[in-house]
Protein backbone atom coordinates (compact mmCIF):
# COMPACT_ATOMS: atom_id res chain seq x y z
CA MET A 1 145.89 56.52 125.35
CA THR A 2 145.68 52.74 126.32
CA ALA A 3 144.02 49.47 124.41
CA SER A 4 141.14 49.65 126.60
CA ASP A 5 140.70 53.69 125.65
CA GLN A 6 140.96 52.98 122.02
CA ASP A 7 138.53 50.34 122.11
CA ILE A 8 135.67 52.74 123.05
CA LEU A 9 136.91 56.04 121.16
CA LEU A 10 134.02 56.87 118.67
CA THR A 11 134.64 57.76 114.80
CA GLY A 12 132.92 59.76 112.69
CA GLU A 13 131.24 56.97 111.61
CA ASP A 14 129.91 56.24 114.60
CA PHE A 15 128.66 59.73 115.10
CA ASP A 16 126.90 59.52 111.69
CA LEU A 17 125.48 56.16 112.84
CA LEU A 18 124.12 57.57 115.85
CA TYR A 19 122.53 61.11 114.34
CA GLN A 20 120.99 58.96 111.64
CA ILE A 21 119.39 56.30 114.40
CA SER A 22 117.85 59.08 116.71
CA LYS A 23 117.18 61.15 113.47
CA SER A 24 114.74 58.45 112.94
CA ILE A 25 113.52 57.78 116.21
CA HIS A 26 112.03 62.01 116.91
CA SER A 27 110.57 61.62 113.76
CA ILE A 28 107.66 59.25 115.03
CA HIS A 29 105.41 60.13 117.87
CA ASP A 30 103.27 57.13 117.78
CA LEU A 31 104.86 55.37 121.02
CA ALA A 32 104.33 51.72 119.50
CA LYS A 33 105.68 52.71 116.17
CA MET A 34 108.60 54.44 117.52
CA LEU A 35 109.32 51.53 119.98
CA GLN A 36 109.14 49.07 117.10
CA ASN A 37 111.74 51.52 114.82
CA ILE A 38 114.21 51.46 118.19
CA LEU A 39 114.73 48.01 118.22
CA LEU A 40 114.59 47.27 114.73
CA LYS A 41 117.36 49.54 114.31
CA ILE A 42 119.62 48.17 117.36
CA LYS A 43 119.27 44.58 115.73
CA GLU A 44 120.88 45.68 112.51
CA VAL A 45 122.77 48.40 113.79
CA PHE A 46 124.50 45.96 116.17
CA ALA A 47 124.09 42.73 114.73
CA VAL A 48 122.42 41.22 117.59
CA GLU A 49 119.69 38.32 117.84
CA GLY A 50 117.09 40.41 120.14
CA ALA A 51 116.35 43.71 122.17
CA SER A 52 114.14 44.93 124.50
CA ILE A 53 112.91 47.65 126.74
CA ALA A 54 111.95 47.08 130.54
CA LEU A 55 110.53 50.23 131.35
CA HIS A 56 110.41 51.12 135.63
CA ASP A 57 107.18 51.67 137.45
CA ALA A 58 108.39 53.83 140.71
CA GLY A 59 105.13 54.03 142.39
CA ASN A 60 104.90 49.95 142.69
CA LYS A 61 108.70 49.48 142.09
CA GLU A 62 108.43 47.32 138.98
CA PHE A 63 110.01 46.64 136.04
CA TYR A 64 107.73 45.87 133.06
CA PHE A 65 108.61 44.96 129.79
CA ILE A 66 106.99 46.90 126.98
CA ARG A 67 108.16 45.25 123.44
CA THR A 68 110.16 42.69 122.01
CA VAL A 69 111.53 42.22 118.45
CA GLU A 70 112.35 38.67 117.37
CA GLU A 71 113.50 36.47 114.50
CA GLN A 72 110.64 34.24 113.60
CA CYS A 73 109.19 34.12 109.82
CA GLY A 74 110.20 37.79 109.84
CA ILE A 75 109.85 40.14 112.21
CA GLU A 76 107.09 40.02 114.72
CA GLN A 77 106.51 42.29 117.44
CA LYS A 78 104.73 41.72 120.64
CA ARG A 79 103.28 43.23 123.87
CA MET A 80 104.79 41.86 127.17
CA ASP A 81 102.92 44.65 129.62
CA GLN A 82 101.45 41.83 131.44
CA MET A 83 105.50 40.34 132.32
CA ARG A 84 106.09 42.40 135.33
CA PHE A 85 109.24 42.21 137.89
CA PRO A 86 110.60 43.93 141.18
CA ASP A 87 112.95 46.65 140.29
CA ASP A 88 115.88 44.73 142.55
CA TYR A 89 115.45 41.87 140.53
CA GLY A 90 117.63 40.50 137.53
CA VAL A 91 120.03 42.59 135.89
CA ALA A 92 117.65 45.01 135.43
CA GLY A 93 117.41 45.71 139.10
CA TRP A 94 121.56 45.79 139.33
CA VAL A 95 121.50 48.30 136.38
CA LEU A 96 119.12 50.36 138.51
CA ARG A 97 120.59 50.69 141.70
CA GLU A 98 124.43 50.97 139.99
CA ASN A 99 123.16 53.34 137.57
CA ARG A 100 125.27 52.34 135.48
CA SER A 101 125.80 49.53 131.99
CA VAL A 102 126.80 45.96 132.33
CA ILE A 103 128.33 43.61 129.69
CA ILE A 104 127.84 40.13 130.29
CA PRO A 105 129.75 38.08 127.66
CA ASP A 106 128.18 34.42 129.29
CA VAL A 107 124.98 35.19 131.25
CA SER A 108 125.19 31.26 132.16
CA CYS A 109 128.11 32.58 134.63
CA ASP A 110 126.56 35.21 136.02
CA GLU A 111 124.40 35.11 139.30
CA ARG A 112 122.30 38.31 138.16
CA PHE A 113 120.85 36.92 135.38
CA SER A 114 117.58 35.07 135.35
CA ASP A 115 116.01 32.82 133.13
CA LYS A 116 112.70 33.61 134.06
CA LEU A 117 112.75 36.82 132.79
CA ASP A 118 114.36 35.34 129.17
CA ILE A 119 111.17 36.57 127.16
CA GLN A 120 112.47 35.75 123.64
CA HIS A 121 110.49 32.89 122.79
CA ASP A 122 112.79 31.49 120.56
CA ILE A 123 115.91 32.83 121.70
CA VAL A 124 117.67 31.32 124.91
CA THR A 125 120.16 34.25 126.08
CA ARG A 126 123.75 33.73 126.05
CA SER A 127 124.83 37.26 126.20
CA MET A 128 123.76 41.18 126.93
CA ILE A 129 124.68 44.45 126.93
CA CYS A 130 122.06 46.15 129.67
CA VAL A 131 121.83 50.15 129.78
CA PRO A 132 119.62 52.59 131.95
CA LEU A 133 117.61 54.51 130.11
CA LYS A 134 118.24 58.09 131.72
CA THR A 135 116.53 61.49 131.50
CA ARG A 136 116.83 64.45 133.88
CA LYS A 137 113.98 63.06 135.87
CA GLY A 138 115.96 60.13 136.75
CA SER A 139 116.12 56.50 135.35
CA ILE A 140 112.84 55.19 133.42
CA GLY A 141 114.28 51.97 132.31
CA VAL A 142 116.53 49.67 130.54
CA LEU A 143 117.68 48.56 127.92
CA TYR A 144 118.99 45.23 126.54
CA ALA A 145 121.05 43.77 123.41
CA LEU A 146 120.74 40.11 123.25
CA ASN A 147 123.31 37.89 121.93
CA LYS A 148 125.90 39.33 119.48
CA LEU A 149 125.91 37.45 116.17
CA GLU A 150 129.34 37.39 115.41
CA GLY A 151 132.40 38.06 118.17
CA GLU A 152 131.45 39.61 121.29
CA PHE A 153 129.87 42.62 122.72
CA THR A 154 132.89 45.06 122.94
CA PRO A 155 132.98 48.24 125.33
CA LYS A 156 132.78 50.57 122.50
CA ALA A 157 128.88 48.80 121.86
CA ALA A 158 128.21 49.77 125.25
CA ARG A 159 129.34 52.89 124.63
CA LEU A 160 127.37 53.71 121.78
CA LEU A 161 124.32 52.29 123.47
CA GLU A 162 124.94 54.33 126.30
CA ILE A 163 124.52 57.66 123.73
CA LEU A 164 121.97 56.21 122.14
CA SER A 165 119.68 55.41 125.46
CA GLY A 166 119.82 59.33 126.19
CA THR A 167 118.17 59.92 123.21
CA ILE A 168 115.84 56.63 123.26
CA ALA A 169 114.75 57.73 127.01
CA ILE A 170 113.99 61.02 125.90
CA ALA A 171 112.34 59.91 122.85
CA ILE A 172 109.76 57.55 124.91
CA GLU A 173 108.91 59.72 127.31
CA ASN A 174 108.31 63.05 124.66
CA ALA A 175 106.33 60.07 122.79
CA LYS A 176 104.14 59.08 125.95
CA LEU A 177 103.59 62.73 126.99
CA TYR A 178 101.80 63.32 123.19
CA GLY A 179 99.94 60.44 123.70
CA GLU A 180 98.47 61.81 126.82
CA ILE A 181 98.48 65.71 124.81
CA LYS A 182 96.31 63.63 122.25
CA GLN A 183 94.12 61.84 124.41
CA TYR A 184 93.69 65.12 126.17
CA ALA A 185 93.40 67.04 122.86
CA THR A 186 90.36 64.24 121.93
CA SER A 187 88.53 64.51 124.99
CA LEU A 188 88.70 68.32 124.67
CA GLU A 189 87.42 67.78 121.49
CA LYS A 190 84.34 65.71 122.54
CA GLU A 191 83.61 68.22 125.32
CA ASN A 192 83.18 71.35 122.81
CA VAL A 193 81.03 69.44 120.46
CA ARG A 194 78.84 68.41 124.38
CA LEU A 195 79.20 71.72 125.03
CA LYS A 196 77.95 73.40 121.72
CA SER A 197 75.07 70.95 121.37
CA GLU A 198 74.29 71.67 124.61
CA VAL A 199 74.39 75.57 124.01
CA GLN A 200 72.58 74.76 121.20
CA ASN A 201 70.02 73.28 122.19
CA ARG A 202 69.38 75.56 126.03
CA PHE A 203 69.33 78.80 123.29
CA ASN A 204 66.93 77.24 120.93
CA LEU A 205 63.45 78.85 120.22
CA GLN A 206 62.19 77.15 123.79
CA GLY A 207 64.81 79.18 125.21
CA ILE A 208 62.59 82.15 125.19
CA ILE A 209 59.43 81.47 127.72
CA GLY A 210 55.80 82.90 126.89
CA SER A 211 52.67 82.46 125.10
CA SER A 212 51.57 85.91 125.83
CA ALA A 213 50.23 88.22 122.66
CA PRO A 214 53.39 90.80 122.99
CA MET A 215 55.71 87.66 123.12
CA GLN A 216 54.14 85.76 120.40
CA ARG A 217 54.96 88.95 118.33
CA VAL A 218 58.82 88.59 119.31
CA PHE A 219 58.97 85.03 118.35
CA GLU A 220 57.01 86.05 114.42
CA LEU A 221 60.03 88.33 113.90
CA LEU A 222 62.50 85.99 115.22
CA ASN A 223 61.30 83.20 112.58
CA LYS A 224 61.69 85.60 110.12
CA VAL A 225 65.34 87.28 110.88
CA ILE A 226 66.88 84.27 112.32
CA GLU A 227 68.29 82.77 108.93
CA THR A 228 69.63 85.92 107.58
CA PRO A 229 73.00 87.95 108.18
CA THR A 230 70.82 91.10 108.57
CA SER A 231 71.91 93.76 111.41
CA VAL A 232 69.74 93.15 114.79
CA LEU A 233 68.52 95.63 117.31
CA ILE A 234 66.78 94.27 120.37
CA GLN A 235 65.14 97.02 122.93
CA GLY A 236 63.85 96.87 125.89
CA GLU A 237 64.12 97.51 129.86
CA THR A 238 66.82 95.98 131.95
CA GLY A 239 66.31 92.45 132.88
CA THR A 240 64.13 91.58 129.88
CA GLY A 241 66.15 88.95 128.27
CA LYS A 242 68.20 91.01 125.77
CA GLU A 243 71.07 88.83 125.29
CA LEU A 244 69.27 86.07 125.69
CA LEU A 245 67.42 86.19 122.59
CA ALA A 246 70.87 87.54 120.45
CA LYS A 247 72.04 84.16 122.20
CA VAL A 248 68.64 82.40 120.36
CA ILE A 249 69.18 84.33 117.04
CA HIS A 250 72.89 83.36 116.94
CA TYR A 251 72.15 79.56 117.98
CA ASN A 252 69.76 79.03 115.36
CA SER A 253 71.18 81.00 112.16
CA ALA A 254 73.67 79.40 109.72
CA MET A 255 76.43 80.83 111.49
CA LYS A 256 75.72 78.56 114.90
CA ASP A 257 79.36 76.98 114.84
CA LYS A 258 81.07 80.52 114.55
CA PRO A 259 82.09 82.59 117.66
CA PHE A 260 79.26 84.70 119.67
CA ILE A 261 80.89 87.35 121.30
CA ALA A 262 79.56 89.94 123.96
CA GLU A 263 80.36 93.12 125.23
CA ASN A 264 78.86 95.66 127.23
CA CYS A 265 79.68 99.31 125.97
CA GLY A 266 78.91 100.84 129.13
CA ALA A 267 81.24 98.65 131.19
CA LEU A 268 84.39 100.12 129.93
CA SER A 269 85.99 103.14 129.44
CA GLU A 270 86.79 104.35 126.20
CA ASN A 271 90.07 103.71 125.64
CA LEU A 272 89.87 99.85 126.97
CA LEU A 273 86.30 99.31 124.48
CA GLU A 274 88.44 100.53 121.50
CA SER A 275 91.24 97.89 122.29
CA GLU A 276 88.33 95.21 123.17
CA LEU A 277 86.89 95.89 119.60
CA PHE A 278 89.58 96.88 117.78
CA GLY A 279 92.50 95.01 118.73
CA HIS A 280 95.64 96.69 119.73
CA VAL A 281 99.27 96.47 118.37
CA LYS A 282 102.48 95.77 120.74
CA GLY A 283 104.03 98.78 122.55
CA ALA A 284 100.44 100.75 121.43
CA PHE A 285 100.01 101.62 125.40
CA THR A 286 101.53 100.94 128.65
CA GLY A 287 100.88 97.25 129.12
CA ALA A 288 100.57 96.01 125.61
CA ILE A 289 103.23 93.53 125.82
CA ALA A 290 102.04 91.70 122.74
CA ASP A 291 99.38 91.85 119.67
CA LYS A 292 96.31 91.39 120.85
CA LYS A 293 92.90 90.85 118.46
CA GLY A 294 89.97 92.66 118.90
CA LEU A 295 86.53 91.13 118.98
CA PHE A 296 85.60 92.23 115.91
CA GLU A 297 88.58 90.07 114.56
CA MET A 298 87.75 87.12 116.80
CA ALA A 299 83.99 86.71 115.89
CA ASP A 300 85.59 85.66 112.44
CA GLY A 301 81.92 84.80 110.54
CA GLY A 302 79.93 84.90 113.59
CA THR A 303 78.11 87.11 115.70
CA VAL A 304 79.26 90.24 117.91
CA PHE A 305 76.45 91.42 120.53
CA LEU A 306 76.81 94.99 121.56
CA ASP A 307 75.12 95.18 124.49
CA GLU A 308 73.44 98.85 125.86
CA ILE A 309 75.30 100.60 122.99
CA VAL A 310 73.52 103.68 123.81
CA ASP A 311 75.90 103.91 126.24
CA MET A 312 78.84 103.80 123.70
CA PRO A 313 81.13 107.09 123.37
CA HIS A 314 80.49 109.43 120.40
CA SER A 315 83.98 108.88 119.07
CA MET A 316 83.64 105.20 119.54
CA GLN A 317 80.03 105.26 117.70
CA THR A 318 82.36 107.06 114.71
CA LYS A 319 84.84 104.00 114.54
CA LEU A 320 82.03 101.54 114.94
CA LEU A 321 80.38 102.86 111.79
CA ARG A 322 83.56 103.14 109.95
CA VAL A 323 83.92 99.42 110.88
CA LEU A 324 80.19 98.84 109.71
CA GLN A 325 80.87 100.84 106.33
CA GLU A 326 84.55 99.54 105.72
CA GLY A 327 84.18 96.03 106.86
CA GLN A 328 87.55 96.84 108.21
CA VAL A 329 89.01 97.60 111.36
CA ARG A 330 92.50 99.47 112.68
CA PRO A 331 94.20 97.97 115.78
CA VAL A 332 95.08 100.45 118.17
CA GLY A 333 98.57 101.75 117.38
CA GLY A 334 98.58 99.96 114.19
CA SER A 335 98.96 101.39 110.52
CA HIS A 336 97.30 98.48 108.40
CA PHE A 337 93.48 97.67 108.68
CA ARG A 338 92.26 94.12 108.82
CA GLU A 339 89.25 92.81 107.17
CA VAL A 340 86.22 91.44 109.59
CA ASN A 341 83.30 89.48 108.85
CA PHE A 342 80.54 89.20 111.36
CA ARG A 343 76.92 89.83 112.12
CA LEU A 344 76.09 92.81 114.56
CA ILE A 345 73.59 92.37 116.93
CA THR A 346 73.03 95.23 119.80
CA SER A 347 70.89 96.51 122.56
CA SER A 348 69.67 99.49 124.35
CA ASN A 349 67.34 99.60 127.54
CA ARG A 350 66.69 102.91 126.51
CA GLU A 351 64.58 104.22 123.11
CA LEU A 352 67.31 104.64 120.66
CA LEU A 353 65.49 106.90 118.47
CA LYS A 354 64.74 109.27 121.41
CA GLU A 355 68.36 109.20 122.11
CA VAL A 356 69.32 110.40 118.46
CA GLU A 357 66.68 113.38 118.77
CA ALA A 358 68.90 114.20 122.01
CA GLY A 359 71.90 114.17 120.09
CA ASN A 360 73.18 111.45 122.12
CA PHE A 361 73.20 109.25 119.30
CA ARG A 362 74.70 109.15 116.01
CA ASP A 363 71.45 109.41 113.20
CA ASP A 364 73.71 107.70 110.57
CA LEU A 365 74.83 104.90 113.07
CA TYR A 366 71.32 104.31 114.25
CA TYR A 367 70.09 103.84 110.86
CA ARG A 368 72.94 101.02 110.68
CA VAL A 369 71.95 99.16 113.83
CA GLN A 370 68.42 99.31 113.82
CA VAL A 371 67.86 97.46 110.25
CA PHE A 372 65.67 94.96 112.12
CA PRO A 373 64.59 96.12 115.80
CA ILE A 374 62.91 94.07 117.94
CA LYS A 375 61.35 95.22 121.30
CA LEU A 376 61.00 93.04 124.22
CA PRO A 377 58.18 93.70 126.42
CA PRO A 378 58.59 94.19 130.11
CA LEU A 379 56.88 91.66 132.66
CA ARG A 380 54.49 93.89 133.76
CA GLN A 381 52.65 93.82 129.99
CA ARG A 382 53.04 89.97 129.84
CA LYS A 383 51.58 88.86 133.31
CA GLU A 384 50.42 85.58 132.01
CA ASP A 385 54.18 84.18 131.23
CA ILE A 386 54.82 84.68 135.01
CA PRO A 387 53.42 81.01 135.85
CA LEU A 388 55.36 80.12 132.87
CA LEU A 389 58.52 81.56 133.70
CA ALA A 390 58.20 80.94 137.48
CA ALA A 391 57.68 77.13 137.18
CA HIS A 392 60.90 76.94 134.71
CA PHE A 393 62.94 78.63 137.39
CA LEU A 394 61.79 76.31 140.02
CA GLU A 395 63.10 73.48 137.67
CA LYS A 396 66.31 75.17 137.26
CA TYR A 397 67.49 76.11 140.83
CA ALA A 398 65.61 72.76 142.08
CA GLU A 399 68.22 71.10 140.37
CA LYS A 400 71.02 73.32 140.83
CA LEU A 401 69.97 73.75 144.82
CA ASN A 402 69.71 69.37 144.51
CA GLN A 403 65.85 69.78 145.60
CA PRO A 404 63.13 68.05 145.02
CA VAL A 405 61.25 70.67 142.62
CA ALA A 406 58.57 72.60 144.54
CA ARG A 407 55.23 74.27 143.21
CA LEU A 408 53.71 77.26 144.03
CA THR A 409 50.39 77.70 146.22
CA PRO A 410 47.53 79.47 144.27
CA TRP A 411 48.19 82.55 146.69
CA THR A 412 52.06 82.91 146.23
CA LEU A 413 51.37 82.37 142.18
CA ASP A 414 48.93 85.03 143.05
CA LEU A 415 51.14 87.23 144.61
CA LEU A 416 53.68 86.71 142.34
CA VAL A 417 51.45 87.90 139.29
CA GLN A 418 50.46 90.92 141.20
CA PHE A 419 53.92 92.55 141.38
CA ASP A 420 54.79 94.88 138.66
CA TRP A 421 58.50 93.69 138.74
CA PRO A 422 60.43 96.46 137.87
CA GLY A 423 63.68 94.33 137.26
CA ASN A 424 61.72 92.20 134.94
CA VAL A 425 62.45 88.40 134.15
CA ARG A 426 66.19 88.70 135.68
CA GLU A 427 64.30 89.93 139.02
CA LEU A 428 61.64 87.32 138.84
CA GLU A 429 64.35 84.78 138.59
CA ASN A 430 66.07 86.08 141.49
CA GLU A 431 63.39 85.68 143.68
CA ILE A 432 62.47 82.33 143.03
CA GLU A 433 66.12 81.14 143.77
CA ARG A 434 65.36 83.01 147.12
CA ALA A 435 62.48 81.57 148.02
CA LEU A 436 63.57 78.19 147.24
CA THR A 437 66.38 78.44 149.08
CA LEU A 438 64.06 79.60 151.90
CA ALA A 439 61.81 76.58 151.37
CA GLY A 440 64.69 74.17 151.84
CA GLY A 441 63.07 70.71 151.26
CA ASP A 442 59.95 72.30 151.28
CA ARG A 443 57.50 70.75 148.47
CA GLU A 444 55.48 73.97 148.17
CA ILE A 445 56.05 77.69 148.05
CA GLN A 446 54.41 79.57 150.77
CA ALA A 447 53.93 83.56 150.89
CA SER A 448 55.90 83.96 153.52
CA TYR A 449 58.95 82.70 151.36
CA LEU A 450 58.47 85.19 149.60
CA SER A 451 60.37 88.99 150.38
CA GLU A 452 58.78 92.20 151.59
CA LYS A 453 58.88 93.78 148.36
CA ILE A 454 56.54 91.31 146.52
CA THR A 455 53.91 90.65 150.08
CA GLY A 456 54.03 94.50 150.58
CA THR A 457 51.77 94.84 147.54
CA VAL A 458 48.55 93.15 148.94
CA GLY A 459 46.09 96.02 148.90
CA LYS A 460 47.96 98.02 146.34
CA MET A 461 45.65 96.94 143.61
CA ASP A 462 44.45 100.59 141.50
CA THR A 463 41.56 100.56 139.53
CA ASN A 464 43.31 99.45 136.36
CA GLN A 465 43.41 95.71 137.55
CA MET A 466 39.66 96.03 138.17
CA ASP A 467 38.83 96.31 134.18
CA GLY A 468 36.67 93.32 132.75
CA MET A 469 36.35 92.30 136.44
CA SER A 470 32.45 91.92 137.89
CA LEU A 471 31.86 93.57 141.47
CA ARG A 472 31.43 90.63 143.09
CA ASP A 473 34.98 89.38 141.69
CA ALA A 474 36.29 92.79 142.35
CA ILE A 475 34.84 92.88 146.32
CA GLU A 476 36.34 89.77 146.84
CA ARG A 477 40.17 90.41 145.88
CA MET A 478 40.15 93.50 147.73
CA GLU A 479 38.60 91.75 150.56
CA LEU A 480 41.03 89.00 149.92
CA GLN A 481 44.00 91.55 150.02
CA MET A 482 42.81 93.42 153.05
CA VAL A 483 42.64 90.23 155.23
CA THR A 484 46.12 89.24 153.91
CA ARG A 485 47.65 92.58 154.89
CA ALA A 486 45.87 92.68 157.95
CA LEU A 487 47.24 89.25 159.30
CA ARG A 488 50.69 90.17 158.12
CA ASP A 489 50.76 93.65 159.72
CA ALA A 490 49.41 91.45 162.76
CA ILE A 491 52.56 89.07 162.55
CA GLY A 492 49.68 86.02 162.75
CA ASN A 493 47.58 87.60 165.38
CA ARG A 494 43.99 86.65 164.69
CA SER A 495 42.27 88.30 167.66
CA LYS A 496 44.29 91.78 166.79
CA ALA A 497 43.77 91.25 162.78
CA ALA A 498 40.21 91.05 163.28
CA ARG A 499 40.36 94.40 165.15
CA MET A 500 42.43 96.09 162.45
CA LEU A 501 39.79 95.03 160.02
CA GLY A 502 36.60 95.42 162.49
CA LEU A 503 35.33 91.34 162.15
CA THR A 504 34.95 88.95 164.71
CA ARG A 505 37.66 86.67 165.66
CA GLN A 506 35.40 84.00 164.27
CA GLY A 507 34.24 86.25 161.12
CA LEU A 508 37.77 86.37 160.42
CA ILE A 509 38.71 83.05 160.44
CA ASN A 510 35.78 82.19 158.45
CA LYS A 511 37.21 84.65 155.61
CA ILE A 512 40.68 82.59 156.14
CA ALA A 513 39.01 79.37 155.40
CA ARG A 514 36.84 80.94 152.55
CA TYR A 515 39.76 82.70 150.90
CA LYS A 516 42.17 79.45 152.19
CA ILE A 517 44.57 82.06 152.89
CA GLU A 518 48.10 80.76 154.42
CA ILE A 519 49.45 82.53 158.03
């Protein structure tokens, strides 16, 4: 072994020193504090007057100093982000190119040194060690140790710094990543708060639109049940807004900050539904590669909404009844029960009591879920709400389609009110979206933008719709419908429509003007 080799031979004390420094570095996640700690340790352990780190900005082909440590009435830390220099400049540029360390005993005799980069305000750099900071991704910068207080820099000191530089480089990279993750997590938390607030505003009581007598009764029931943990059964035809009502109940209750979890009981097979609701353990069935919590567990103090519970298989009804009675679930394939705590809201598009009488639904489960029943009326029974709903959907889809908010012409609105809407509010919403799309930038929704199923109702008014009308009003309504129907069948040809009605062309024109019929 040569004398040179002996100079860099590391002892147990050296490795213990490296371990202690590495441990202190990795215990800090804050980048600024970590850098302060690193440079103070280097200054102390290597007995130097100062230390600096310059990071490499590969995109801009620059180095920038990020922190210095200097002795001036104690220890002062100073940000040096503003000091940048080309990455082919000075000692740092040489270390980056050569990808190796350098010891400079006397910087005044070394052409690589530039006093323009002598950033230690109260220190005149006389000697240095400069080592690259390397990770698996490449070099991220350089580390300087400046001015040995006693004696000279040795190859052993350079070797120790090289070993330490790998740990420092990884620590810097991890701290920067931790900072980015922390910042991202903070932004996610803020976004989550914003979205929660948005959801709660969206599903407040104003989220349900209606001023009709049937809807006023629904509102009265809502006000009584919202602040309680009582189980609610919402019954109504498809498209009446049962899930919307369930969300209104949840987001206006004390549980509004807890989860709202919905599942359609008719959308999954019995086995999949059981796994979704109760969860499963690893290996319970083919594809169960890990334990999975069920929706009842995930709700945890919130609300579980079981949509169309009438479609739940009989065997699942039995298991659900046990959950409601015991407050416990057993995952598929599991041997232990788990405690669950949730509010149950269910819905059905069929009369649940009739399903019990027909033997399709357990009577004991029925009495568990229908503690507080709410029946949503179909749209045909609350036609006075159609103008309000239509206006709401026009505004909603104008924003979605980036169009000006349009208005319905009186005749278009009349057609919407006449229609019976078998698909209820959902069907009305789809119709408005379609009409607004066809209208493009038009500020008025003409009857021609409505689908055939709507305009085809003209002329089909029955005697029930005439109840309460005077004879004159009924005749005018029928006349309006007949003229409109004839014009539609004649594809706007007035002469042909007049012949169909047994009128002169001028007589038809007079009636079009009187009733303000659009063609």
